[in-house]
Amino acid sequence: MDDPDWDPGEVAADIRLHTAFRQARKTFFDLLAASSSDKEPHTLTALRQEPVYDIAEMLYLWRAFGIKSREQVLAYIEGHNAKLSALLVDKERLKVNGFTPGRIKAALFDQAGAVKLAINYTGFEGSFDQRDLARLLVQQMSPETCRKAVAKLSETGFVQRSTGVYNSILVRSPGTLETIFMRHLRAFRMALNGAEAKGKRRK
């Protein structure tokens, strides 16, 4: 029996989407490699990793949504805490995603932590405490994976790291990483629009 999900026209549209997405991902990592201050093959290989993409995505989204004020940062953290709190009570989701309750609880911000993040971000040109960045990305990567990705981005000139209060490590992006992510999304959108137009002409 024919499976309606495998209708040739639908599959062709899916392939156009997949091709555009794969090309856009390639554009992201190619732009990253071209802009890296270190062109050694092992360094460029390390940059072509999912955690780097995830960090770039988060930084891009903060910029794209115009998060600048203390109130906006605190509202974001409130949403972050709400999502993690909901995840904590969903035992099945925790199991499916391979998260331990301890890992998720450690990524929650108390009031003092939220205020500290807001002060770092608004007072130090969009800086994040490296540990706070890992908390915000807890569903994408472990704290150690985040640390390694940030270190590689620092070595290649995409983020700057400095020592903050209480020996914290502050991480700040000058903007290149966000721009590369924006260009990658723009390439995806343009390729997808072109593919959709081509598909319509064939009908």
Protein backbone atom coordinates (compact mmCIF):
# COMPACT_ATOMS: atom_id res chain seq x y z
CA MET A 1 0.00 0.00 0.00
CA ASP A 2 1.31 3.42 -0.94
CA ASP A 3 2.16 5.65 2.00
CA PRO A 4 0.55 9.11 1.49
CA ASP A 5 3.38 10.69 3.48
CA TRP A 6 5.70 9.71 0.63
CA ASP A 7 3.75 11.54 -2.05
CA PRO A 8 6.34 12.53 -4.71
CA GLY A 9 5.31 16.18 -4.69
CA GLU A 10 5.56 16.43 -0.91
CA VAL A 11 8.90 14.62 -0.88
CA ALA A 12 10.23 17.00 -3.55
CA ALA A 13 9.23 19.98 -1.37
CA ASP A 14 10.87 18.33 1.63
CA ILE A 15 14.09 17.83 -0.33
CA ARG A 16 14.13 21.48 -1.37
CA LEU A 17 13.78 22.48 2.29
CA HIS A 18 16.49 20.03 3.35
CA THR A 19 18.89 21.22 0.65
CA ALA A 20 18.38 24.86 1.61
CA PHE A 21 18.90 24.06 5.29
CA ARG A 22 22.06 22.04 4.70
CA GLN A 23 23.50 24.76 2.48
CA ALA A 24 22.72 27.42 5.08
CA ARG A 25 24.42 25.39 7.82
CA LYS A 26 27.45 25.05 5.56
CA THR A 27 27.37 28.82 5.04
CA PHE A 28 27.47 29.37 8.81
CA PHE A 29 30.51 27.19 9.39
CA ASP A 30 32.26 28.44 6.22
CA LEU A 31 31.83 32.06 7.35
CA LEU A 32 33.05 31.10 10.81
CA ALA A 33 36.18 29.50 9.36
CA ALA A 34 36.82 32.47 7.07
CA SER A 35 36.56 34.91 9.99
CA SER A 36 38.63 32.87 12.45
CA SER A 37 41.89 34.43 13.61
CA ASP A 38 43.40 30.92 13.73
CA LYS A 39 43.38 29.00 10.44
CA GLU A 40 44.97 25.80 11.72
CA PRO A 41 42.99 22.75 10.52
CA HIS A 42 42.49 21.36 14.03
CA THR A 43 41.12 24.73 15.17
CA LEU A 44 38.71 25.02 12.27
CA THR A 45 37.54 21.46 12.92
CA ALA A 46 36.86 22.38 16.55
CA LEU A 47 34.80 25.38 15.41
CA ARG A 48 32.60 23.16 13.24
CA GLN A 49 30.80 21.73 16.26
CA GLU A 50 27.19 21.95 17.40
CA PRO A 51 27.94 23.74 20.72
CA VAL A 52 29.54 26.61 18.79
CA TYR A 53 26.39 26.87 16.68
CA ASP A 54 24.19 26.83 19.79
CA ILE A 55 26.15 29.64 21.46
CA ALA A 56 26.02 31.73 18.29
CA GLU A 57 22.27 31.12 18.06
CA MET A 58 21.63 32.31 21.61
CA LEU A 59 23.74 35.44 21.21
CA TYR A 60 22.01 36.19 17.90
CA LEU A 61 18.54 35.79 19.41
CA TRP A 62 19.31 38.16 22.29
CA ARG A 63 20.44 40.75 19.77
CA ALA A 64 17.59 40.07 17.32
CA PHE A 65 14.93 40.44 20.03
CA GLY A 66 16.59 43.61 21.29
CA ILE A 67 17.32 42.44 24.83
CA LYS A 68 19.15 45.38 26.37
CA SER A 69 17.56 46.58 29.59
CA ARG A 70 17.68 45.12 33.08
CA GLU A 71 13.93 44.48 32.93
CA GLN A 72 14.25 42.57 29.65
CA VAL A 73 17.07 40.41 31.00
CA LEU A 74 15.15 39.61 34.18
CA ALA A 75 12.05 38.74 32.13
CA TYR A 76 14.14 36.37 30.00
CA ILE A 77 15.51 34.66 33.11
CA GLU A 78 12.00 34.34 34.51
CA GLY A 79 10.99 32.53 31.32
CA HIS A 80 14.11 30.36 31.50
CA ASN A 81 13.30 29.35 35.09
CA ALA A 82 9.67 28.64 34.20
CA LYS A 83 10.65 26.31 31.35
CA LEU A 84 13.13 24.42 33.51
CA SER A 85 10.65 24.17 36.40
CA ALA A 86 8.11 22.64 34.01
CA LEU A 87 10.74 20.23 32.76
CA LEU A 88 11.59 19.15 36.29
CA VAL A 89 8.08 17.89 36.94
CA ASP A 90 7.90 16.10 33.58
CA LYS A 91 9.76 12.92 34.47
CA GLU A 92 9.20 11.40 31.04
CA ARG A 93 10.77 14.38 29.24
CA LEU A 94 13.71 14.33 31.63
CA LYS A 95 14.23 10.65 30.88
CA VAL A 96 13.85 11.00 27.11
CA ASN A 97 16.33 13.91 27.00
CA GLY A 98 18.78 12.22 29.32
CA PHE A 99 18.71 15.01 31.90
CA THR A 100 19.11 14.43 35.61
CA PRO A 101 17.04 16.59 37.99
CA GLY A 102 20.31 17.82 39.50
CA ARG A 103 21.55 19.16 36.18
CA ILE A 104 18.34 21.09 35.58
CA LYS A 105 18.11 22.41 39.16
CA ALA A 106 21.68 23.70 38.90
CA ALA A 107 20.66 25.78 35.88
CA LEU A 108 17.91 27.65 37.71
CA PHE A 109 18.63 31.25 38.72
CA ASP A 110 17.77 32.50 42.18
CA GLN A 111 17.03 36.21 42.65
CA ALA A 112 20.64 37.13 43.39
CA GLY A 113 21.88 35.17 40.38
CA ALA A 114 19.34 36.81 38.10
CA VAL A 115 20.34 40.27 39.28
CA LYS A 116 24.02 39.44 38.79
CA LEU A 117 23.39 38.29 35.23
CA ALA A 118 21.43 41.47 34.50
CA ILE A 119 24.23 43.65 35.93
CA ASN A 120 26.89 41.85 33.89
CA TYR A 121 24.88 42.09 30.69
CA THR A 122 23.73 45.70 31.01
CA GLY A 123 26.82 47.09 32.73
CA PHE A 124 29.58 45.32 30.82
CA GLU A 125 28.59 45.60 27.16
CA GLY A 126 26.54 42.44 26.87
CA SER A 127 28.79 40.21 28.98
CA PHE A 128 27.79 36.88 30.50
CA ASP A 129 29.42 35.08 33.37
CA GLN A 130 30.68 31.91 31.68
CA ARG A 131 28.82 29.78 34.26
CA ASP A 132 25.60 31.69 33.61
CA LEU A 133 25.98 31.13 29.87
CA ALA A 134 26.17 27.40 30.58
CA ARG A 135 23.00 27.63 32.70
CA LEU A 136 21.14 29.36 29.88
CA LEU A 137 22.26 26.62 27.47
CA VAL A 138 21.71 23.70 29.83
CA GLN A 139 19.35 21.90 27.44
CA GLN A 140 21.88 22.11 24.61
CA MET A 141 25.13 21.21 26.36
CA SER A 142 26.88 20.44 29.62
CA PRO A 143 28.78 23.16 31.54
CA GLU A 144 32.10 21.58 30.52
CA THR A 145 31.12 21.46 26.85
CA CYS A 146 30.10 25.12 27.09
CA ARG A 147 33.41 26.03 28.70
CA LYS A 148 35.37 24.30 25.93
CA ALA A 149 33.31 25.92 23.18
CA VAL A 150 33.71 29.37 24.73
CA ALA A 151 37.46 28.81 25.09
CA LYS A 152 37.70 27.91 21.39
CA LEU A 153 35.64 30.94 20.41
CA SER A 154 37.95 33.08 22.54
CA GLU A 155 41.08 31.62 20.94
CA THR A 156 39.73 32.38 17.48
CA GLY A 157 38.67 35.96 18.24
CA PHE A 158 34.89 35.55 18.28
CA VAL A 159 34.42 36.29 21.98
CA GLN A 160 36.45 38.13 24.57
CA ARG A 161 36.98 36.75 28.06
CA SER A 162 37.92 38.83 31.09
CA THR A 163 37.97 38.40 34.85
CA GLY A 164 34.94 39.76 36.66
CA VAL A 165 34.08 40.08 40.33
CA TYR A 166 34.61 37.04 42.57
CA ASN A 167 37.02 35.61 39.95
CA SER A 168 34.19 34.98 37.50
CA ILE A 169 34.98 34.75 33.80
CA LEU A 170 33.01 37.28 31.77
CA VAL A 171 32.31 36.44 28.14
CA ARG A 172 31.46 39.14 25.60
CA SER A 173 30.89 38.94 21.87
CA PRO A 174 32.02 41.96 19.81
CA GLY A 175 29.28 41.08 17.31
CA THR A 176 30.93 39.05 14.56
CA LEU A 177 29.40 35.78 15.76
CA GLU A 178 25.88 37.20 15.75
CA THR A 179 26.39 38.69 12.28
CA ILE A 180 27.57 35.34 10.93
CA PHE A 181 24.49 33.65 12.36
CA MET A 182 22.29 36.34 10.84
CA ARG A 183 23.92 35.83 7.42
CA HIS A 184 23.39 32.08 7.75
CA LEU A 185 19.67 32.56 8.47
CA ARG A 186 19.38 35.07 5.65
CA ALA A 187 20.98 32.57 3.26
CA PHE A 188 18.51 29.90 4.39
CA ARG A 189 15.53 32.19 3.89
CA MET A 190 16.67 33.32 0.44
CA ALA A 191 17.47 29.77 -0.67
CA LEU A 192 14.13 28.53 0.62
CA ASN A 193 12.23 31.30 -1.16
CA GLY A 194 14.09 30.47 -4.35
CA ALA A 195 13.38 26.77 -3.99
CA GLU A 196 9.67 27.41 -3.34
CA ALA A 197 9.47 29.65 -6.40
CA LYS A 198 11.15 26.97 -8.52
CA GLY A 199 8.75 24.34 -7.18
CA LYS A 200 5.73 26.47 -8.08
CA ARG A 201 7.01 27.00 -11.64
CA ARG A 202 7.27 23.24 -12.10
CA LYS A 203 3.62 22.67 -11.15
